[in-house]
Amino acid sequence: MKFTLPTAAFALSLLGAADGARIETYVTTGPQILTNYSSAYLGDDGKWYTLGNGFRDGCRKTKFDWIKEACIDDHKHRAHTVYSGDTKKSFKRTSDTSKACGGSEGCWQGVCQRCWTYVYTETKCTW
């Protein structure tokens, strides 16, 4: 069977759209005394929604009327969201990456900033 380029492009776009919701946590470490944390939710609609600064572990109510609560269990590498209809989505950490960030301004006495990204993707709810 031979696929045309438009057919293949359409099929690949469907695969990308099927990625679904996820949660990402961002951590910045480095020469500063305090570590910076923030988290965001990528909805099924493809839009990012901030879950707030300083949020990396525990449960937190959100400012969105359709998400009652977001919870991240950093030590067990899992997370979940509870929606306004009391449905729940669960996530597991599937990726963590880091890179140097902040440029030369992000370094002090040989210690440089490092930015970490932790990605939680949708999984079957078991907790």
PDB file of N, CA and C in Angstrom:
ATOM      1  N   MET A   1       0.843  -1.163   0.000  1.00  0.00           N
ATOM      2  CA  MET A   1       0.000   0.000   0.000  1.00  0.00           C
ATOM      3  C   MET A   1       0.894   1.233   0.000  1.00  0.00           C
ATOM      4  N   LYS A   2       0.579   2.189  -0.862  1.00  0.00           N
ATOM      5  CA  LYS A   2       1.376   3.400  -0.982  1.00  0.00           C
ATOM      6  C   LYS A   2       0.567   4.588  -0.462  1.00  0.00           C
ATOM      7  N   PHE A   3       1.208   5.405   0.407  1.00  0.00           N
ATOM      8  CA  PHE A   3       0.553   6.588   0.954  1.00  0.00           C
ATOM      9  C   PHE A   3       1.057   7.830   0.235  1.00  0.00           C
ATOM     10  N   THR A   4       0.153   8.758   0.002  1.00  0.00           N
ATOM     11  CA  THR A   4       0.570  10.045  -0.549  1.00  0.00           C
ATOM     12  C   THR A   4       1.096  10.904   0.591  1.00  0.00           C
ATOM     13  N   LEU A   5       1.851  11.933   0.266  1.00  0.00           N
ATOM     14  CA  LEU A   5       2.410  12.818   1.281  1.00  0.00           C
ATOM     15  C   LEU A   5       1.319  13.458   2.141  1.00  0.00           C
ATOM     16  N   PRO A   6       0.225  13.996   1.568  1.00  0.00           N
ATOM     17  CA  PRO A   6      -0.823  14.574   2.414  1.00  0.00           C
ATOM     18  C   PRO A   6      -1.447  13.547   3.361  1.00  0.00           C
ATOM     19  N   THR A   7      -1.628  12.315   2.898  1.00  0.00           N
ATOM     20  CA  THR A   7      -2.190  11.274   3.749  1.00  0.00           C
ATOM     21  C   THR A   7      -1.250  10.961   4.902  1.00  0.00           C
ATOM     22  N   ALA A   8       0.030  10.837   4.619  1.00  0.00           N
ATOM     23  CA  ALA A   8       1.014  10.554   5.667  1.00  0.00           C
ATOM     24  C   ALA A   8       1.087  11.709   6.661  1.00  0.00           C
ATOM     25  N   ALA A   9       1.059  12.946   6.176  1.00  0.00           N
ATOM     26  CA  ALA A   9       1.109  14.111   7.068  1.00  0.00           C
ATOM     27  C   ALA A   9      -0.113  14.146   7.971  1.00  0.00           C
ATOM     28  N   PHE A  10      -1.290  13.846   7.411  1.00  0.00           N
ATOM     29  CA  PHE A  10      -2.509  13.813   8.208  1.00  0.00           C
ATOM     30  C   PHE A  10      -2.431  12.734   9.281  1.00  0.00           C
ATOM     31  N   ALA A  11      -1.957  11.560   8.928  1.00  0.00           N
ATOM     32  CA  ALA A  11      -1.830  10.465   9.895  1.00  0.00           C
ATOM     33  C   ALA A  11      -0.872  10.841  11.019  1.00  0.00           C
ATOM     34  N   LEU A  12       0.242  11.465  10.679  1.00  0.00           N
ATOM     35  CA  LEU A  12       1.199  11.883  11.707  1.00  0.00           C
ATOM     36  C   LEU A  12       0.616  12.970  12.596  1.00  0.00           C
ATOM     37  N   SER A  13      -0.188  13.869  12.039  1.00  0.00           N
ATOM     38  CA  SER A  13      -0.800  14.912  12.862  1.00  0.00           C
ATOM     39  C   SER A  13      -1.775  14.302  13.858  1.00  0.00           C
ATOM     40  N   LEU A  14      -2.459  13.242  13.464  1.00  0.00           N
ATOM     41  CA  LEU A  14      -3.352  12.553  14.391  1.00  0.00           C
ATOM     42  C   LEU A  14      -2.569  11.908  15.522  1.00  0.00           C
ATOM     43  N   LEU A  15      -1.419  11.361  15.215  1.00  0.00           N
ATOM     44  CA  LEU A  15      -0.584  10.768  16.260  1.00  0.00           C
ATOM     45  C   LEU A  15      -0.151  11.822  17.261  1.00  0.00           C
ATOM     46  N   GLY A  16       0.220  12.986  16.795  1.00  0.00           N
ATOM     47  CA  GLY A  16       0.628  14.062  17.694  1.00  0.00           C
ATOM     48  C   GLY A  16      -0.526  14.532  18.554  1.00  0.00           C
ATOM     49  N   ALA A  17      -1.714  14.602  17.998  1.00  0.00           N
ATOM     50  CA  ALA A  17      -2.875  15.064  18.745  1.00  0.00           C
ATOM     51  C   ALA A  17      -3.297  14.063  19.797  1.00  0.00           C
ATOM     52  N   ALA A  18      -2.898  12.824  19.649  1.00  0.00           N
ATOM     53  CA  ALA A  18      -3.304  11.791  20.594  1.00  0.00           C
ATOM     54  C   ALA A  18      -2.423  11.746  21.833  1.00  0.00           C
ATOM     55  N   ASP A  19      -1.433  12.637  21.913  1.00  0.00           N
ATOM     56  CA  ASP A  19      -0.542  12.630  23.065  1.00  0.00           C
ATOM     57  C   ASP A  19      -1.294  12.857  24.363  1.00  0.00           C
ATOM     58  N   GLY A  20      -2.340  13.663  24.370  1.00  0.00           N
ATOM     59  CA  GLY A  20      -3.158  13.884  25.540  1.00  0.00           C
ATOM     60  C   GLY A  20      -2.523  14.825  26.548  1.00  0.00           C
ATOM     61  N   ALA A  21      -3.173  14.885  27.693  1.00  0.00           N
ATOM     62  CA  ALA A  21      -2.754  15.789  28.757  1.00  0.00           C
ATOM     63  C   ALA A  21      -1.443  15.326  29.384  1.00  0.00           C
ATOM     64  N   ARG A  22      -0.738  16.297  29.976  1.00  0.00           N
ATOM     65  CA  ARG A  22       0.453  15.968  30.750  1.00  0.00           C
ATOM     66  C   ARG A  22       0.732  17.094  31.738  1.00  0.00           C
ATOM     67  N   ILE A  23       1.568  16.802  32.696  1.00  0.00           N
ATOM     68  CA  ILE A  23       2.013  17.788  33.673  1.00  0.00           C
ATOM     69  C   ILE A  23       3.521  17.901  33.547  1.00  0.00           C
ATOM     70  N   GLU A  24       4.020  19.123  33.614  1.00  0.00           N
ATOM     71  CA  GLU A  24       5.463  19.337  33.610  1.00  0.00           C
ATOM     72  C   GLU A  24       5.847  20.153  34.832  1.00  0.00           C
ATOM     73  N   THR A  25       6.942  19.764  35.455  1.00  0.00           N
ATOM     74  CA  THR A  25       7.500  20.496  36.589  1.00  0.00           C
ATOM     75  C   THR A  25       8.859  21.015  36.181  1.00  0.00           C
ATOM     76  N   TYR A  26       9.127  22.273  36.513  1.00  0.00           N
ATOM     77  CA  TYR A  26      10.389  22.916  36.158  1.00  0.00           C
ATOM     78  C   TYR A  26      11.123  23.299  37.439  1.00  0.00           C
ATOM     79  N   VAL A  27      12.393  22.946  37.501  1.00  0.00           N
ATOM     80  CA  VAL A  27      13.207  23.220  38.685  1.00  0.00           C
ATOM     81  C   VAL A  27      14.487  23.911  38.227  1.00  0.00           C
ATOM     82  N   THR A  28      14.829  25.013  38.890  1.00  0.00           N
ATOM     83  CA  THR A  28      16.084  25.712  38.597  1.00  0.00           C
ATOM     84  C   THR A  28      16.954  25.691  39.847  1.00  0.00           C
ATOM     85  N   THR A  29      18.125  25.084  39.712  1.00  0.00           N
ATOM     86  CA  THR A  29      19.092  25.039  40.808  1.00  0.00           C
ATOM     87  C   THR A  29      20.329  25.809  40.377  1.00  0.00           C
ATOM     88  N   GLY A  30      21.163  26.112  41.323  1.00  0.00           N
ATOM     89  CA  GLY A  30      22.390  26.800  40.943  1.00  0.00           C
ATOM     90  C   GLY A  30      22.988  27.589  42.075  1.00  0.00           C
ATOM     91  N   PRO A  31      23.664  28.654  41.735  1.00  0.00           N
ATOM     92  CA  PRO A  31      24.380  29.379  42.767  1.00  0.00           C
ATOM     93  C   PRO A  31      23.459  30.113  43.751  1.00  0.00           C
ATOM     94  N   GLN A  32      22.212  30.352  43.373  1.00  0.00           N
ATOM     95  CA  GLN A  32      21.307  31.028  44.300  1.00  0.00           C
ATOM     96  C   GLN A  32      21.000  30.109  45.477  1.00  0.00           C
ATOM     97  N   ILE A  33      20.629  30.685  46.596  1.00  0.00           N
ATOM     98  CA  ILE A  33      20.376  29.903  47.806  1.00  0.00           C
ATOM     99  C   ILE A  33      19.105  29.073  47.658  1.00  0.00           C
ATOM    100  N   LEU A  34      18.055  29.678  47.112  1.00  0.00           N
ATOM    101  CA  LEU A  34      16.777  28.987  46.992  1.00  0.00           C
ATOM    102  C   LEU A  34      16.627  28.337  45.623  1.00  0.00           C
ATOM    103  N   THR A  35      16.045  27.158  45.616  1.00  0.00           N
ATOM    104  CA  THR A  35      15.710  26.469  44.371  1.00  0.00           C
ATOM    105  C   THR A  35      14.341  26.965  43.914  1.00  0.00           C
ATOM    106  N   ASN A  36      14.184  27.224  42.627  1.00  0.00           N
ATOM    107  CA  ASN A  36      12.905  27.686  42.076  1.00  0.00           C
ATOM    108  C   ASN A  36      12.150  26.518  41.456  1.00  0.00           C
ATOM    109  N   TYR A  37      10.855  26.425  41.782  1.00  0.00           N
ATOM    110  CA  TYR A  37       9.987  25.379  41.256  1.00  0.00           C
ATOM    111  C   TYR A  37       8.776  26.017  40.584  1.00  0.00           C
ATOM    112  N   SER A  38       8.278  25.393  39.529  1.00  0.00           N
ATOM    113  CA  SER A  38       6.987  25.761  38.952  1.00  0.00           C
ATOM    114  C   SER A  38       6.446  24.550  38.202  1.00  0.00           C
ATOM    115  N   SER A  39       5.135  24.545  38.002  1.00  0.00           N
ATOM    116  CA  SER A  39       4.491  23.424  37.321  1.00  0.00           C
ATOM    117  C   SER A  39       3.424  23.935  36.370  1.00  0.00           C
ATOM    118  N   ALA A  40       3.168  23.146  35.330  1.00  0.00           N
ATOM    119  CA  ALA A  40       2.150  23.510  34.348  1.00  0.00           C
ATOM    120  C   ALA A  40       1.438  22.249  33.868  1.00  0.00           C
ATOM    121  N   TYR A  41       0.204  22.438  33.426  1.00  0.00           N
ATOM    122  CA  TYR A  41      -0.637  21.358  32.913  1.00  0.00           C
ATOM    123  C   TYR A  41      -0.895  21.632  31.438  1.00  0.00           C
ATOM    124  N   LEU A  42      -0.635  20.644  30.602  1.00  0.00           N
ATOM    125  CA  LEU A  42      -0.970  20.733  29.180  1.00  0.00           C
ATOM    126  C   LEU A  42      -2.264  19.964  28.983  1.00  0.00           C
ATOM    127  N   GLY A  43      -3.320  20.678  28.628  1.00  0.00           N
ATOM    128  CA  GLY A  43      -4.626  20.055  28.485  1.00  0.00           C
ATOM    129  C   GLY A  43      -4.794  19.308  27.175  1.00  0.00           C
ATOM    130  N   ASP A  44      -5.869  18.547  27.096  1.00  0.00           N
ATOM    131  CA  ASP A  44      -6.209  17.842  25.863  1.00  0.00           C
ATOM    132  C   ASP A  44      -6.451  18.829  24.720  1.00  0.00           C
ATOM    133  N   ASP A  45      -6.724  20.091  25.079  1.00  0.00           N
ATOM    134  CA  ASP A  45      -6.957  21.127  24.068  1.00  0.00           C
ATOM    135  C   ASP A  45      -5.662  21.700  23.506  1.00  0.00           C
ATOM    136  N   GLY A  46      -4.509  21.232  24.008  1.00  0.00           N
ATOM    137  CA  GLY A  46      -3.221  21.703  23.517  1.00  0.00           C
ATOM    138  C   GLY A  46      -2.752  22.997  24.152  1.00  0.00           C
ATOM    139  N   LYS A  47      -3.478  23.503  25.151  1.00  0.00           N
ATOM    140  CA  LYS A  47      -3.116  24.752  25.820  1.00  0.00           C
ATOM    141  C   LYS A  47      -2.430  24.465  27.154  1.00  0.00           C
ATOM    142  N   TRP A  48      -1.492  25.362  27.520  1.00  0.00           N
ATOM    143  CA  TRP A  48      -0.780  25.254  28.797  1.00  0.00           C
ATOM    144  C   TRP A  48      -1.520  26.038  29.865  1.00  0.00           C
ATOM    145  N   TYR A  49      -1.601  25.463  31.069  1.00  0.00           N
ATOM    146  CA  TYR A  49      -2.225  26.109  32.217  1.00  0.00           C
ATOM    147  C   TYR A  49      -1.244  26.035  33.383  1.00  0.00           C
ATOM    148  N   THR A  50      -0.886  27.196  33.926  1.00  0.00           N
ATOM    149  CA  THR A  50       0.083  27.191  35.012  1.00  0.00           C
ATOM    150  C   THR A  50      -0.554  26.666  36.295  1.00  0.00           C
ATOM    151  N   LEU A  51       0.174  25.830  36.995  1.00  0.00           N
ATOM    152  CA  LEU A  51      -0.275  25.314  38.283  1.00  0.00           C
ATOM    153  C   LEU A  51       0.363  26.100  39.421  1.00  0.00           C
ATOM    154  N   GLY A  52       1.257  27.002  39.080  1.00  0.00           N
ATOM    155  CA  GLY A  52       1.811  27.907  40.078  1.00  0.00           C
ATOM    156  C   GLY A  52       3.288  27.736  40.328  1.00  0.00           C
ATOM    157  N   ASN A  53       3.861  28.802  40.866  1.00  0.00           N
ATOM    158  CA  ASN A  53       5.264  28.774  41.261  1.00  0.00           C
ATOM    159  C   ASN A  53       5.396  28.123  42.630  1.00  0.00           C
ATOM    160  N   GLY A  54       6.528  27.533  42.878  1.00  0.00           N
ATOM    161  CA  GLY A  54       6.772  26.893  44.160  1.00  0.00           C
ATOM    162  C   GLY A  54       6.048  25.568  44.321  1.00  0.00           C
ATOM    163  N   PHE A  55       5.436  25.061  43.255  1.00  0.00           N
ATOM    164  CA  PHE A  55       4.652  23.823  43.351  1.00  0.00           C
ATOM    165  C   PHE A  55       5.381  22.686  42.674  1.00  0.00           C
ATOM    166  N   ARG A  56       5.752  21.695  43.477  1.00  0.00           N
ATOM    167  CA  ARG A  56       6.439  20.522  42.952  1.00  0.00           C
ATOM    168  C   ARG A  56       5.976  19.237  43.627  1.00  0.00           C
ATOM    169  N   ASP A  57       5.389  19.360  44.805  1.00  0.00           N
ATOM    170  CA  ASP A  57       5.012  18.179  45.573  1.00  0.00           C
ATOM    171  C   ASP A  57       3.801  18.517  46.437  1.00  0.00           C
ATOM    172  N   GLY A  58       2.861  17.576  46.520  1.00  0.00           N
ATOM    173  CA  GLY A  58       1.662  17.787  47.313  1.00  0.00           C
ATOM    174  C   GLY A  58       0.466  18.081  46.429  1.00  0.00           C
ATOM    175  N   CYS A  59      -0.619  18.530  47.063  1.00  0.00           N
ATOM    176  CA  CYS A  59      -1.854  18.841  46.340  1.00  0.00           C
ATOM    177  C   CYS A  59      -2.138  20.329  46.435  1.00  0.00           C
ATOM    178  N   ARG A  60      -2.769  20.842  45.400  1.00  0.00           N
ATOM    179  CA  ARG A  60      -3.069  22.269  45.345  1.00  0.00           C
ATOM    180  C   ARG A  60      -4.350  22.474  44.546  1.00  0.00           C
ATOM    181  N   LYS A  61      -5.207  23.348  45.061  1.00  0.00           N
ATOM    182  CA  LYS A  61      -6.377  23.763  44.292  1.00  0.00           C
ATOM    183  C   LYS A  61      -5.886  24.663  43.166  1.00  0.00           C
ATOM    184  N   THR A  62      -6.625  24.692  42.066  1.00  0.00           N
ATOM    185  CA  THR A  62      -6.202  25.520  40.933  1.00  0.00           C
ATOM    186  C   THR A  62      -7.130  26.719  40.786  1.00  0.00           C
ATOM    187  N   LYS A  63      -6.724  27.659  39.962  1.00  0.00           N
ATOM    188  CA  LYS A  63      -7.549  28.836  39.683  1.00  0.00           C
ATOM    189  C   LYS A  63      -8.536  28.579  38.546  1.00  0.00           C
ATOM    190  N   PHE A  64      -8.556  27.367  38.030  1.00  0.00           N
ATOM    191  CA  PHE A  64      -9.437  27.005  36.919  1.00  0.00           C
ATOM    192  C   PHE A  64     -10.672  26.307  37.471  1.00  0.00           C
ATOM    193  N   ASP A  65     -11.853  26.692  36.996  1.00  0.00           N
ATOM    194  CA  ASP A  65     -13.077  26.094  37.528  1.00  0.00           C
ATOM    195  C   ASP A  65     -13.272  24.649  37.084  1.00  0.00           C
ATOM    196  N   TRP A  66     -12.569  24.199  36.082  1.00  0.00           N
ATOM    197  CA  TRP A  66     -12.737  22.835  35.572  1.00  0.00           C
ATOM    198  C   TRP A  66     -11.728  21.852  36.156  1.00  0.00           C
ATOM    199  N   ILE A  67     -10.688  22.341  36.843  1.00  0.00           N
ATOM    200  CA  ILE A  67      -9.763  21.457  37.566  1.00  0.00           C
ATOM    201  C   ILE A  67      -9.869  21.813  39.042  1.00  0.00           C
ATOM    202  N   LYS A  68     -10.423  20.905  39.847  1.00  0.00           N
ATOM    203  CA  LYS A  68     -10.549  21.167  41.275  1.00  0.00           C
ATOM    204  C   LYS A  68      -9.197  21.153  41.973  1.00  0.00           C
ATOM    205  N   GLU A  69      -8.364  20.174  41.598  1.00  0.00           N
ATOM    206  CA  GLU A  69      -7.130  19.965  42.341  1.00  0.00           C
ATOM    207  C   GLU A  69      -6.095  19.269  41.466  1.00  0.00           C
ATOM    208  N   ALA A  70      -4.848  19.641  41.672  1.00  0.00           N
ATOM    209  CA  ALA A  70      -3.723  18.956  41.026  1.00  0.00           C
ATOM    210  C   ALA A  70      -2.803  18.468  42.136  1.00  0.00           C
ATOM    211  N   CYS A  71      -2.359  17.233  42.024  1.00  0.00           N
ATOM    212  CA  CYS A  71      -1.472  16.649  43.027  1.00  0.00           C
ATOM    213  C   CYS A  71      -0.242  16.068  42.340  1.00  0.00           C
ATOM    214  N   ILE A  72       0.915  16.306  42.940  1.00  0.00           N
ATOM    215  CA  ILE A  72       2.170  15.747  42.443  1.00  0.00           C
ATOM    216  C   ILE A  72       2.854  15.041  43.602  1.00  0.00           C
ATOM    217  N   ASP A  73       3.200  13.789  43.405  1.00  0.00           N
ATOM    218  CA  ASP A  73       3.968  13.015  44.382  1.00  0.00           C
ATOM    219  C   ASP A  73       5.365  12.849  43.792  1.00  0.00           C
ATOM    220  N   ASP A  74       6.226  13.798  44.110  1.00  0.00           N
ATOM    221  CA  ASP A  74       7.556  13.851  43.503  1.00  0.00           C
ATOM    222  C   ASP A  74       8.376  12.601  43.812  1.00  0.00           C
ATOM    223  N   HIS A  75       8.285  12.095  45.033  1.00  0.00           N
ATOM    224  CA  HIS A  75       9.105  10.943  45.427  1.00  0.00           C
ATOM    225  C   HIS A  75       8.666   9.642  44.757  1.00  0.00           C
ATOM    226  N   LYS A  76       7.367   9.528  44.463  1.00  0.00           N
ATOM    227  CA  LYS A  76       6.863   8.317  43.804  1.00  0.00           C
ATOM    228  C   LYS A  76       6.706   8.499  42.301  1.00  0.00           C
ATOM    229  N   HIS A  77       7.121   9.662  41.795  1.00  0.00           N
ATOM    230  CA  HIS A  77       7.109   9.953  40.349  1.00  0.00           C
ATOM    231  C   HIS A  77       5.719   9.804  39.738  1.00  0.00           C
ATOM    232  N   ARG A  78       4.718  10.368  40.409  1.00  0.00           N
ATOM    233  CA  ARG A  78       3.359  10.286  39.892  1.00  0.00           C
ATOM    234  C   ARG A  78       2.600  11.575  40.209  1.00  0.00           C
ATOM    235  N   ALA A  79       1.470  11.746  39.533  1.00  0.00           N
ATOM    236  CA  ALA A  79       0.633  12.932  39.732  1.00  0.00           C
ATOM    237  C   ALA A  79      -0.794  12.591  39.330  1.00  0.00           C
ATOM    238  N   HIS A  80      -1.735  13.452  39.723  1.00  0.00           N
ATOM    239  CA  HIS A  80      -3.104  13.301  39.234  1.00  0.00           C
ATOM    240  C   HIS A  80      -3.824  14.643  39.299  1.00  0.00           C
ATOM    241  N   THR A  81      -4.883  14.743  38.525  1.00  0.00           N
ATOM    242  CA  THR A  81      -5.765  15.904  38.561  1.00  0.00           C
ATOM    243  C   THR A  81      -7.176  15.411  38.838  1.00  0.00           C
ATOM    244  N   VAL A  82      -7.917  16.213  39.592  1.00  0.00           N
ATOM    245  CA  VAL A  82      -9.326  15.937  39.846  1.00  0.00           C
ATOM    246  C   VAL A  82     -10.104  17.074  39.195  1.00  0.00           C
ATOM    247  N   TYR A  83     -11.018  16.709  38.314  1.00  0.00           N
ATOM    248  CA  TYR A  83     -11.784  17.694  37.560  1.00  0.00           C
ATOM    249  C   TYR A  83     -13.078  18.046  38.281  1.00  0.00           C
ATOM    250  N   SER A  84     -13.755  19.085  37.818  1.00  0.00           N
ATOM    251  CA  SER A  84     -14.957  19.581  38.485  1.00  0.00           C
ATOM    252  C   SER A  84     -16.063  18.530  38.553  1.00  0.00           C
ATOM    253  N   GLY A  85     -16.110  17.592  37.634  1.00  0.00           N
ATOM    254  CA  GLY A  85     -17.102  16.521  37.677  1.00  0.00           C
ATOM    255  C   GLY A  85     -16.648  15.328  38.505  1.00  0.00           C
ATOM    256  N   ASP A  86     -15.581  15.503  39.290  1.00  0.00           N
ATOM    257  CA  ASP A  86     -14.970  14.476  40.140  1.00  0.00           C
ATOM    258  C   ASP A  86     -14.336  13.335  39.358  1.00  0.00           C
ATOM    259  N   THR A  87     -14.099  13.528  38.067  1.00  0.00           N
ATOM    260  CA  THR A  87     -13.307  12.545  37.331  1.00  0.00           C
ATOM    261  C   THR A  87     -11.837  12.814  37.627  1.00  0.00           C
ATOM    262  N   LYS A  88     -11.024  11.819  37.413  1.00  0.00           N
ATOM    263  CA  LYS A  88      -9.609  11.913  37.776  1.00  0.00           C
ATOM    264  C   LYS A  88      -8.750  11.421  36.620  1.00  0.00           C
ATOM    265  N   LYS A  89      -7.620  12.090  36.406  1.00  0.00           N
ATOM    266  CA  LYS A  89      -6.608  11.625  35.458  1.00  0.00           C
ATOM    267  C   LYS A  89      -5.333  11.405  36.239  1.00  0.00           C
ATOM    268  N   SER A  90      -4.681  10.294  35.966  1.00  0.00           N
ATOM    269  CA  SER A  90      -3.418   9.984  36.633  1.00  0.00           C
ATOM    270  C   SER A  90      -2.270  10.089  35.643  1.00  0.00           C
ATOM    271  N   PHE A  91      -1.104  10.406  36.181  1.00  0.00           N
ATOM    272  CA  PHE A  91       0.092  10.609  35.374  1.00  0.00           C
ATOM    273  C   PHE A  91       1.278   9.937  36.050  1.00  0.00           C
ATOM    274  N   LYS A  92       2.243   9.506  35.251  1.00  0.00           N
ATOM    275  CA  LYS A  92       3.499   8.986  35.800  1.00  0.00           C
ATOM    276  C   LYS A  92       4.648   9.739  35.144  1.00  0.00           C
ATOM    277  N   ARG A  93       5.742   9.893  35.889  1.00  0.00           N
ATOM    278  CA  ARG A  93       6.897  10.593  35.329  1.00  0.00           C
ATOM    279  C   ARG A  93       7.543   9.706  34.285  1.00  0.00           C
ATOM    280  N   THR A  94       7.654  10.229  33.085  1.00  0.00           N
ATOM    281  CA  THR A  94       8.222   9.456  31.981  1.00  0.00           C
ATOM    282  C   THR A  94       9.492  10.075  31.430  1.00  0.00           C
ATOM    283  N   SER A  95       9.829  11.275  31.900  1.00  0.00           N
ATOM    284  CA  SER A  95      11.019  11.930  31.369  1.00  0.00           C
ATOM    285  C   SER A  95      11.541  12.940  32.373  1.00  0.00           C
ATOM    286  N   ASP A  96      12.846  12.999  32.518  1.00  0.00           N
ATOM    287  CA  ASP A  96      13.469  14.110  33.229  1.00  0.00           C
ATOM    288  C   ASP A  96      14.752  14.477  32.513  1.00  0.00           C
ATOM    289  N   THR A  97      14.868  15.760  32.221  1.00  0.00           N
ATOM    290  CA  THR A  97      16.025  16.271  31.496  1.00  0.00           C
ATOM    291  C   THR A  97      16.566  17.493  32.223  1.00  0.00           C
ATOM    292  N   SER A  98      17.831  17.779  31.974  1.00  0.00           N
ATOM    293  CA  SER A  98      18.415  18.992  32.544  1.00  0.00           C
ATOM    294  C   SER A  98      19.390  19.595  31.551  1.00  0.00           C
ATOM    295  N   LYS A  99      19.611  20.887  31.723  1.00  0.00           N
ATOM    296  CA  LYS A  99      20.577  21.590  30.880  1.00  0.00           C
ATOM    297  C   LYS A  99      21.072  22.812  31.641  1.00  0.00           C
ATOM    298  N   ALA A 100      22.245  23.281  31.254  1.00  0.00           N
ATOM    299  CA  ALA A 100      22.761  24.524  31.820  1.00  0.00           C
ATOM    300  C   ALA A 100      21.863  25.656  31.339  1.00  0.00           C
ATOM    301  N   CYS A 101      21.577  26.608  32.214  1.00  0.00           N
ATOM    302  CA  CYS A 101      20.713  27.721  31.837  1.00  0.00           C
ATOM    303  C   CYS A 101      21.173  28.985  32.553  1.00  0.00           C
ATOM    304  N   GLY A 102      20.724  30.106  32.094  1.00  0.00           N
ATOM    305  CA  GLY A 102      21.071  31.359  32.741  1.00  0.00           C
ATOM    306  C   GLY A 102      22.275  32.058  32.148  1.00  0.00           C
ATOM    307  N   GLY A 103      22.968  31.411  31.225  1.00  0.00           N
ATOM    308  CA  GLY A 103      24.133  32.033  30.600  1.00  0.00           C
ATOM    309  C   GLY A 103      25.221  32.346  31.608  1.00  0.00           C
ATOM    310  N   SER A 104      26.109  33.245  31.263  1.00  0.00           N
ATOM    311  CA  SER A 104      27.212  33.583  32.169  1.00  0.00           C
ATOM    312  C   SER A 104      26.702  34.293  33.421  1.00  0.00           C
ATOM    313  N   GLU A 105      25.541  34.963  33.324  1.00  0.00           N
ATOM    314  CA  GLU A 105      24.957  35.613  34.501  1.00  0.00           C
ATOM    315  C   GLU A 105      24.450  34.589  35.509  1.00  0.00           C
ATOM    316  N   GLY A 106      24.229  33.351  35.066  1.00  0.00           N
ATOM    317  CA  GLY A 106      23.733  32.297  35.942  1.00  0.00           C
ATOM    318  C   GLY A 106      24.831  31.556  36.676  1.00  0.00           C
ATOM    319  N   CYS A 107      26.062  32.038  36.580  1.00  0.00           N
ATOM    320  CA  CYS A 107      27.191  31.380  37.250  1.00  0.00           C
ATOM    321  C   CYS A 107      27.781  32.296  38.316  1.00  0.00           C
ATOM    322  N   TRP A 108      28.251  31.681  39.394  1.00  0.00           N
ATOM    323  CA  TRP A 108      28.932  32.423  40.445  1.00  0.00           C
ATOM    324  C   TRP A 108      29.953  31.499  41.080  1.00  0.00           C
ATOM    325  N   GLN A 109      31.190  31.889  41.080  1.00  0.00           N
ATOM    326  CA  GLN A 109      32.311  31.128  41.638  1.00  0.00           C
ATOM    327  C   GLN A 109      32.331  29.684  41.128  1.00  0.00           C
ATOM    328  N   GLY A 110      32.121  29.534  39.832  1.00  0.00           N
ATOM    329  CA  GLY A 110      32.214  28.221  39.208  1.00  0.00           C
ATOM    330  C   GLY A 110      30.976  27.352  39.317  1.00  0.00           C
ATOM    331  N   VAL A 111      29.944  27.830  40.011  1.00  0.00           N
ATOM    332  CA  VAL A 111      28.688  27.083  40.121  1.00  0.00           C
ATOM    333  C   VAL A 111      27.677  27.764  39.211  1.00  0.00           C
ATOM    334  N   CYS A 112      27.088  26.991  38.292  1.00  0.00           N
ATOM    335  CA  CYS A 112      26.157  27.558  37.312  1.00  0.00           C
ATOM    336  C   CYS A 112      24.749  27.017  37.515  1.00  0.00           C
ATOM    337  N   GLN A 113      23.783  27.792  37.050  1.00  0.00           N
ATOM    338  CA  GLN A 113      22.390  27.359  37.112  1.00  0.00           C
ATOM    339  C   GLN A 113      22.170  26.131  36.247  1.00  0.00           C
ATOM    340  N   ARG A 114      21.251  25.284  36.705  1.00  0.00           N
ATOM    341  CA  ARG A 114      20.847  24.111  35.943  1.00  0.00           C
ATOM    342  C   ARG A 114      19.325  24.080  35.957  1.00  0.00           C
ATOM    343  N   CYS A 115      18.724  23.884  34.791  1.00  0.00           N
ATOM    344  CA  CYS A 115      17.270  23.824  34.666  1.00  0.00           C
ATOM    345  C   CYS A 115      16.846  22.384  34.391  1.00  0.00           C
ATOM    346  N   TRP A 116      15.927  21.898  35.195  1.00  0.00           N
ATOM    347  CA  TRP A 116      15.408  20.532  35.091  1.00  0.00           C
ATOM    348  C   TRP A 116      13.962  20.593  34.630  1.00  0.00           C
ATOM    349  N   THR A 117      13.572  19.659  33.776  1.00  0.00           N
ATOM    350  CA  THR A 117      12.179  19.507  33.354  1.00  0.00           C
ATOM    351  C   THR A 117      11.763  18.065  33.613  1.00  0.00           C
ATOM    352  N   TYR A 118      10.688  17.905  34.390  1.00  0.00           N
ATOM    353  CA  TYR A 118      10.128  16.582  34.683  1.00  0.00           C
ATOM    354  C   TYR A 118       8.776  16.491  33.991  1.00  0.00           C
ATOM    355  N   VAL A 119       8.588  15.461  33.176  1.00  0.00           N
ATOM    356  CA  VAL A 119       7.355  15.302  32.402  1.00  0.00           C
ATOM    357  C   VAL A 119       6.569  14.112  32.946  1.00  0.00           C
ATOM    358  N   TYR A 120       5.301  14.371  33.255  1.00  0.00           N
ATOM    359  CA  TYR A 120       4.374  13.334  33.724  1.00  0.00           C
ATOM    360  C   TYR A 120       3.333  13.125  32.633  1.00  0.00           C
ATOM    361  N   THR A 121       3.235  11.908  32.108  1.00  0.00           N
ATOM    362  CA  THR A 121       2.267  11.617  31.048  1.00  0.00           C
ATOM    363  C   THR A 121       1.150  10.736  31.593  1.00  0.00           C
ATOM    364  N   GLU A 122       0.033  10.787  30.902  1.00  0.00           N
ATOM    365  CA  GLU A 122      -1.173  10.100  31.349  1.00  0.00           C
ATOM    366  C   GLU A 122      -0.965   8.590  31.430  1.00  0.00           C
ATOM    367  N   THR A 123      -1.526   8.006  32.480  1.00  0.00           N
ATOM    368  CA  THR A 123      -1.444   6.566  32.695  1.00  0.00           C
ATOM    369  C   THR A 123      -2.723   6.094  33.377  1.00  0.00           C
ATOM    370  N   LYS A 124      -2.887   4.809  33.490  1.00  0.00           N
ATOM    371  CA  LYS A 124      -4.035   4.229  34.183  1.00  0.00           C
ATOM    372  C   LYS A 124      -3.976   4.618  35.660  1.00  0.00           C
ATOM    373  N   CYS A 125      -5.126   4.971  36.233  1.00  0.00           N
ATOM    374  CA  CYS A 125      -5.176   5.343  37.649  1.00  0.00           C
ATOM    375  C   CYS A 125      -5.124   4.094  38.525  1.00  0.00           C
ATOM    376  N   THR A 126      -4.107   4.048  39.383  1.00  0.00           N
ATOM    377  CA  THR A 126      -3.971   2.916  40.310  1.00  0.00           C
ATOM    378  C   THR A 126      -3.782   3.399  41.744  1.00  0.00           C
ATOM    379  N   TRP A 127      -3.898   4.685  41.974  1.00  0.00           N
ATOM    380  CA  TRP A 127      -3.754   5.209  43.333  1.00  0.00           C
ATOM    381  C   TRP A 127      -4.789   6.267  43.602  1.00  0.00           C
TER     382      TRP A 127
END
